[in-house]
């Protein structure tokens, strides 16, 4: 889909005396699910994606400028069981989803659309049978720190480009055979799962991940209980964890050269310590 905004001028249909305009939203979740919604009263096919009629969807006022100020807006709409379900919002499936907002000619959906805003979904608030989500623009990335702050523990994530540890041999497939609150029992123990991650591969929880805060044999303690009741046995993918300490990085991973922390840097309390403390 090529936006008319890229040409620097409004398309002919938007400059007509009578405009047949419809708002469209394209949402792309982190798990690869893509849906389209439109304010029109019937479905539209735009750029090979079906945009379902959702007249209740509407954006808040949006100011555009050529400055680099951080821009945000709100998107409101009703909950639809086959599109944006309440249980998926509560489970966090829509957190951080990429969103593109544009207008198109509903009488000729093949015409070049006009992109109004792009960004990712921030805070999502449930309001009974409706929801409101903040759209964070790309300029929000300018709020990030220019350089990392010092820390005694590693700032990298295990397996990322800074860490460079190969996660392939540290990834394990298991089956969950019992769940009690945040305690999950798997069919066979997996090594070094404390501070790791468990991703559900089956059932209603499929695609949802949870940090593992502790492990004892076949029992894993998750940071939060599963959002939905699983059907046993349920397949899960386990990725080993790291406590981000220099000794662990050196002794277990032989990766001290990529340790992203300052383990021996004196802290702010250096001058106030008691002798021998």
Protein backbone atom coordinates (compact mmCIF):
# COMPACT_ATOMS: atom_id res chain seq x y z
CA UNK A 1 0.00 0.00 0.00
CA UNK A 2 1.57 3.28 -1.12
CA UNK A 3 0.40 6.36 0.76
CA UNK A 4 -0.39 9.55 -1.09
CA UNK A 5 1.37 11.40 1.72
CA UNK A 6 4.64 10.19 0.23
CA UNK A 7 4.00 12.30 -2.88
CA UNK A 8 3.72 15.50 -0.83
CA UNK A 9 0.20 16.38 -2.00
CA UNK A 10 -3.37 15.32 -1.31
CA UNK A 11 -4.92 12.88 -3.82
CA UNK A 12 -7.67 14.03 -6.16
CA UNK A 13 -10.42 12.24 -4.25
CA UNK A 14 -9.58 14.14 -1.06
CA UNK A 15 -9.77 17.49 -2.88
CA UNK A 16 -13.20 16.81 -4.40
CA UNK A 17 -16.21 18.92 -3.40
CA UNK A 18 -17.91 15.85 -1.91
CA UNK A 19 -15.47 13.59 -0.07
CA UNK A 20 -16.28 9.92 0.51
CA UNK A 21 -13.75 9.40 3.29
CA UNK A 22 -13.36 6.55 5.76
CA UNK A 23 -10.92 6.13 8.63
CA UNK A 24 -8.89 2.92 8.65
CA UNK A 25 -6.72 1.32 11.31
CA UNK A 26 -4.17 -1.41 10.66
CA UNK A 27 -2.98 -3.13 13.84
CA UNK A 28 -0.04 -5.54 13.90
CA UNK A 29 0.48 -7.51 17.09
CA UNK A 30 3.89 -8.73 18.23
CA UNK A 31 2.83 -12.33 17.58
CA UNK A 32 2.23 -11.59 13.88
CA UNK A 33 -1.57 -11.18 13.95
CA UNK A 34 -2.71 -8.29 11.70
CA UNK A 35 -6.23 -6.88 11.64
CA UNK A 36 -7.84 -3.98 9.84
CA UNK A 37 -10.75 -1.87 11.09
CA UNK A 38 -12.64 0.95 9.38
CA UNK A 39 -15.13 3.60 10.44
CA UNK A 40 -17.16 2.87 7.28
CA UNK A 41 -20.48 1.02 7.63
CA UNK A 42 -19.27 -1.91 5.49
CA UNK A 43 -16.02 -3.82 5.09
CA UNK A 44 -13.30 -2.45 2.81
CA UNK A 45 -10.43 -4.22 1.03
CA UNK A 46 -7.39 -1.94 1.06
CA UNK A 47 -3.93 -3.04 0.02
CA UNK A 48 -4.86 -6.71 0.19
CA UNK A 49 -6.08 -6.46 3.81
CA UNK A 50 -9.74 -6.69 4.77
CA UNK A 51 -10.76 -3.77 6.99
CA UNK A 52 -13.80 -4.75 9.01
CA UNK A 53 -16.55 -2.24 9.66
CA UNK A 54 -16.17 -0.82 13.17
CA UNK A 55 -18.19 2.43 13.27
CA UNK A 56 -17.46 2.83 16.99
CA UNK A 57 -13.75 3.26 16.37
CA UNK A 58 -12.61 6.88 16.40
CA UNK A 59 -9.39 8.81 16.99
CA UNK A 60 -9.01 11.86 19.18
CA UNK A 61 -7.91 15.21 17.77
CA UNK A 62 -4.48 14.99 16.18
CA UNK A 63 -2.16 17.92 15.59
CA UNK A 64 0.53 17.53 12.94
CA UNK A 65 3.65 19.66 12.58
CA UNK A 66 7.20 19.52 11.28
CA UNK A 67 8.70 19.75 14.76
CA UNK A 68 10.30 16.84 16.62
CA UNK A 69 8.06 17.17 19.67
CA UNK A 70 6.77 13.86 20.99
CA UNK A 71 3.29 13.31 19.49
CA UNK A 72 0.61 11.09 20.98
CA UNK A 73 -3.10 10.60 20.40
CA UNK A 74 -5.88 8.39 21.69
CA UNK A 75 -7.90 5.75 19.84
CA UNK A 76 -11.23 4.64 21.24
CA UNK A 77 -13.53 1.82 20.20
CA UNK A 78 -15.84 -1.02 21.15
CA UNK A 79 -14.72 -4.54 21.96
CA UNK A 80 -15.51 -7.11 19.27
CA UNK A 81 -15.21 -10.80 20.09
CA UNK A 82 -13.72 -11.62 16.68
CA UNK A 83 -11.35 -8.64 16.42
CA UNK A 84 -10.22 -6.97 19.65
CA UNK A 85 -11.48 -9.19 22.43
CA UNK A 86 -11.57 -8.13 26.07
CA UNK A 87 -9.66 -11.22 27.19
CA UNK A 88 -6.87 -10.51 24.69
CA UNK A 89 -6.56 -6.95 25.99
CA UNK A 90 -6.40 -8.21 29.57
CA UNK A 91 -3.80 -10.83 28.63
CA UNK A 92 -1.56 -8.18 27.09
CA UNK A 93 -1.68 -9.49 23.52
CA UNK A 94 -2.21 -5.96 22.20
CA UNK A 95 0.50 -4.29 24.29
CA UNK A 96 3.02 -2.60 22.02
CA UNK A 97 1.12 -3.43 18.82
CA UNK A 98 2.08 -1.33 15.79
CA UNK A 99 -0.73 0.87 14.46
CA UNK A 100 -1.15 2.77 11.20
CA UNK A 101 -4.01 5.26 10.92
CA UNK A 102 -5.04 6.49 7.47
CA UNK A 103 -8.01 7.76 5.48
CA UNK A 104 -9.19 6.26 2.21
CA UNK A 105 -11.93 6.73 -0.36
CA UNK A 106 -14.60 4.19 0.55
CA UNK A 107 -16.14 4.43 -2.92
CA UNK A 108 -12.78 3.46 -4.49
CA UNK A 109 -10.65 1.66 -1.87
CA UNK A 110 -7.95 1.01 -4.47
CA UNK A 111 -7.16 4.74 -4.57
CA UNK A 112 -4.03 5.93 -2.77
CA UNK A 113 -4.79 6.44 0.94
CA UNK A 114 -3.44 9.25 3.12
CA UNK A 115 -1.50 8.18 6.19
CA UNK A 116 -2.38 10.30 9.22
CA UNK A 117 -0.30 8.70 11.98
CA UNK A 118 1.91 5.75 12.76
CA UNK A 119 3.14 4.42 16.05
CA UNK A 120 2.62 1.78 18.69
CA UNK A 121 -0.08 1.24 21.28
CA UNK A 122 0.86 2.49 24.72
CA UNK A 123 -1.39 2.43 27.76
CA UNK A 124 -4.67 0.56 27.14
CA UNK A 125 -7.65 1.26 29.41
CA UNK A 126 -10.82 -0.82 29.65
CA UNK A 127 -14.06 1.13 29.99
CA UNK A 128 -16.81 -1.46 30.31
CA UNK A 129 -17.63 -2.74 26.80
CA UNK A 130 -15.15 -0.29 25.24
CA UNK A 131 -11.47 0.51 25.38
CA UNK A 132 -9.17 3.49 24.94
CA UNK A 133 -5.56 3.19 23.80
CA UNK A 134 -2.79 5.74 23.53
CA UNK A 135 -0.97 5.86 20.20
CA UNK A 136 2.69 6.71 20.74
CA UNK A 137 4.37 8.29 17.74
CA UNK A 138 7.79 7.35 16.43
CA UNK A 139 9.28 10.53 17.91
CA UNK A 140 8.68 9.03 21.34
CA UNK A 141 11.92 7.10 20.81
CA UNK A 142 13.70 10.43 21.29
CA UNK A 143 12.83 10.15 25.00
CA UNK A 144 15.18 7.20 25.34
CA UNK A 145 18.52 7.75 27.07
CA UNK A 146 21.31 8.74 24.70
CA UNK A 147 23.80 6.54 26.51
CA UNK A 148 23.28 3.74 29.07
CA UNK A 149 23.57 4.48 32.78
CA UNK A 150 26.19 2.62 34.75
CA UNK A 151 25.04 -0.40 36.71
CA UNK A 152 26.70 -3.23 38.64
CA UNK A 153 24.56 -5.79 36.80
CA UNK A 154 24.47 -6.45 33.07
CA UNK A 155 22.19 -4.22 31.02
CA UNK A 156 21.95 -6.63 28.08
CA UNK A 157 19.26 -9.25 27.63
CA UNK A 158 20.46 -12.84 27.40
CA UNK A 159 20.94 -13.67 23.72
CA UNK A 160 20.54 -10.15 22.29
CA UNK A 161 23.06 -8.39 20.04
CA UNK A 162 24.97 -6.98 23.00
CA UNK A 163 25.12 -10.30 24.87
CA UNK A 164 25.72 -12.58 21.84
CA UNK A 165 25.08 -15.83 23.74
CA UNK A 166 23.58 -18.47 21.42
CA UNK A 167 20.13 -19.35 22.79
CA UNK A 168 19.55 -22.33 20.50
CA UNK A 169 21.12 -24.90 22.89
CA UNK A 170 19.50 -23.11 25.83
CA UNK A 171 15.95 -23.41 24.47
CA UNK A 172 13.86 -26.39 25.58
CA UNK A 173 10.45 -27.76 24.69
CA UNK A 174 8.38 -29.15 27.55
CA UNK A 175 4.76 -29.87 28.44
CA UNK A 176 2.85 -28.37 31.34
CA UNK A 177 1.04 -31.04 33.33
CA UNK A 178 -0.33 -28.95 36.23
CA UNK A 179 -0.88 -25.33 37.23
CA UNK A 180 -1.57 -23.98 40.70
CA UNK A 181 -1.61 -20.19 40.80
CA UNK A 182 1.80 -19.06 39.59
CA UNK A 183 3.35 -22.51 40.08
CA UNK A 184 3.64 -24.50 36.86
CA UNK A 185 4.67 -28.15 36.79
CA UNK A 186 6.36 -29.44 33.62
CA UNK A 187 6.86 -33.03 32.50
CA UNK A 188 10.64 -32.97 32.98
CA UNK A 189 13.04 -30.52 34.58
CA UNK A 190 14.85 -27.94 32.44
CA UNK A 191 18.25 -26.52 33.45
CA UNK A 192 18.86 -22.99 34.74
CA UNK A 193 15.33 -21.69 34.32
CA UNK A 194 15.47 -19.01 37.06
CA UNK A 195 15.16 -15.58 35.40
CA UNK A 196 14.24 -17.31 32.14
CA UNK A 197 11.06 -17.22 30.08
CA UNK A 198 8.19 -19.58 29.38
CA UNK A 199 6.16 -19.19 26.18
CA UNK A 200 2.86 -21.04 25.77
CA UNK A 201 2.59 -22.93 22.47
CA UNK A 202 -0.90 -24.44 22.89
CA UNK A 203 -4.40 -23.52 23.97
CA UNK A 204 -5.91 -20.18 24.92
CA UNK A 205 -2.56 -18.94 26.28
CA UNK A 206 -0.78 -19.58 22.97
CA UNK A 207 1.68 -16.78 22.20
CA UNK A 208 1.76 -15.40 25.75
CA UNK A 209 5.05 -15.39 27.63
CA UNK A 210 5.87 -15.03 31.30
CA UNK A 211 9.17 -14.55 33.15
CA UNK A 212 10.27 -17.43 35.38
CA UNK A 213 11.32 -16.04 38.76
CA UNK A 214 12.34 -19.32 40.39
CA UNK A 215 12.67 -23.02 39.56
CA UNK A 216 12.86 -26.14 41.69
CA UNK A 217 13.01 -29.41 39.78
CA UNK A 218 9.92 -29.67 37.58
CA UNK A 219 8.12 -26.74 39.25
CA UNK A 220 8.52 -23.25 37.82
CA UNK A 221 7.37 -20.12 39.62
CA UNK A 222 6.07 -17.58 37.11
CA UNK A 223 5.92 -13.82 37.58
CA UNK A 224 2.15 -14.03 37.04
CA UNK A 225 -0.47 -16.73 36.79
CA UNK A 226 -1.57 -17.86 33.30
CA UNK A 227 -4.25 -15.61 31.84
CA UNK A 228 -6.42 -18.57 30.78
CA UNK A 229 -6.96 -22.06 32.11
CA UNK A 230 -4.72 -24.41 30.09
CA UNK A 231 -5.72 -27.81 28.76
CA UNK A 232 -3.19 -30.44 29.86
CA UNK A 233 -0.72 -31.35 28.62
CA UNK A 234 0.13 -27.98 27.09
CA UNK A 235 3.31 -27.42 25.09
CA UNK A 236 5.62 -24.62 26.22
CA UNK A 237 8.95 -23.25 25.06
CA UNK A 238 11.48 -22.57 27.81
CA UNK A 239 14.46 -20.25 27.42
CA UNK A 240 17.12 -20.34 30.11
CA UNK A 241 17.74 -17.23 32.17
CA UNK A 242 20.59 -15.19 33.58
CA UNK A 243 20.82 -13.23 36.85
CA UNK A 244 22.96 -10.58 35.09
CA UNK A 245 25.90 -10.98 37.49
CA UNK A 246 29.50 -10.93 36.29
CA UNK A 247 30.30 -14.26 37.98
CA UNK A 248 27.43 -15.95 36.11
CA UNK A 249 28.45 -14.38 32.82
CA UNK A 250 32.04 -15.54 33.31
CA UNK A 251 31.60 -18.99 34.82
CA UNK A 252 28.41 -20.26 33.20
CA UNK A 253 28.43 -18.59 29.81
CA UNK A 254 32.16 -17.85 29.35
CA UNK A 255 30.99 -14.48 28.07
CA UNK A 256 32.63 -11.95 30.40
CA UNK A 257 34.01 -10.07 27.39
CA UNK A 258 30.43 -9.07 26.50
CA UNK A 259 29.33 -8.23 30.06
CA UNK A 260 27.44 -4.94 29.85
CA UNK A 261 27.87 -3.69 33.39
CA UNK A 262 30.36 -2.13 35.79
CA UNK A 263 30.66 -4.78 38.50
CA UNK A 264 33.73 -3.18 40.12
CA UNK A 265 32.71 0.46 39.89
CA UNK A 266 32.33 2.06 43.38
CA UNK A 267 28.79 3.05 44.23
CA UNK A 268 27.45 6.42 45.37
CA UNK A 269 27.87 5.35 49.00
CA UNK A 270 31.65 4.96 48.75
CA UNK A 271 32.41 8.06 50.88
CA UNK A 272 29.78 7.26 53.52
CA UNK A 273 30.74 3.64 54.20
CA UNK A 274 32.00 2.77 57.67
CA UNK A 275 35.52 1.34 57.88
CA UNK A 276 35.44 -2.37 57.22
CA UNK A 277 31.90 -2.15 55.81
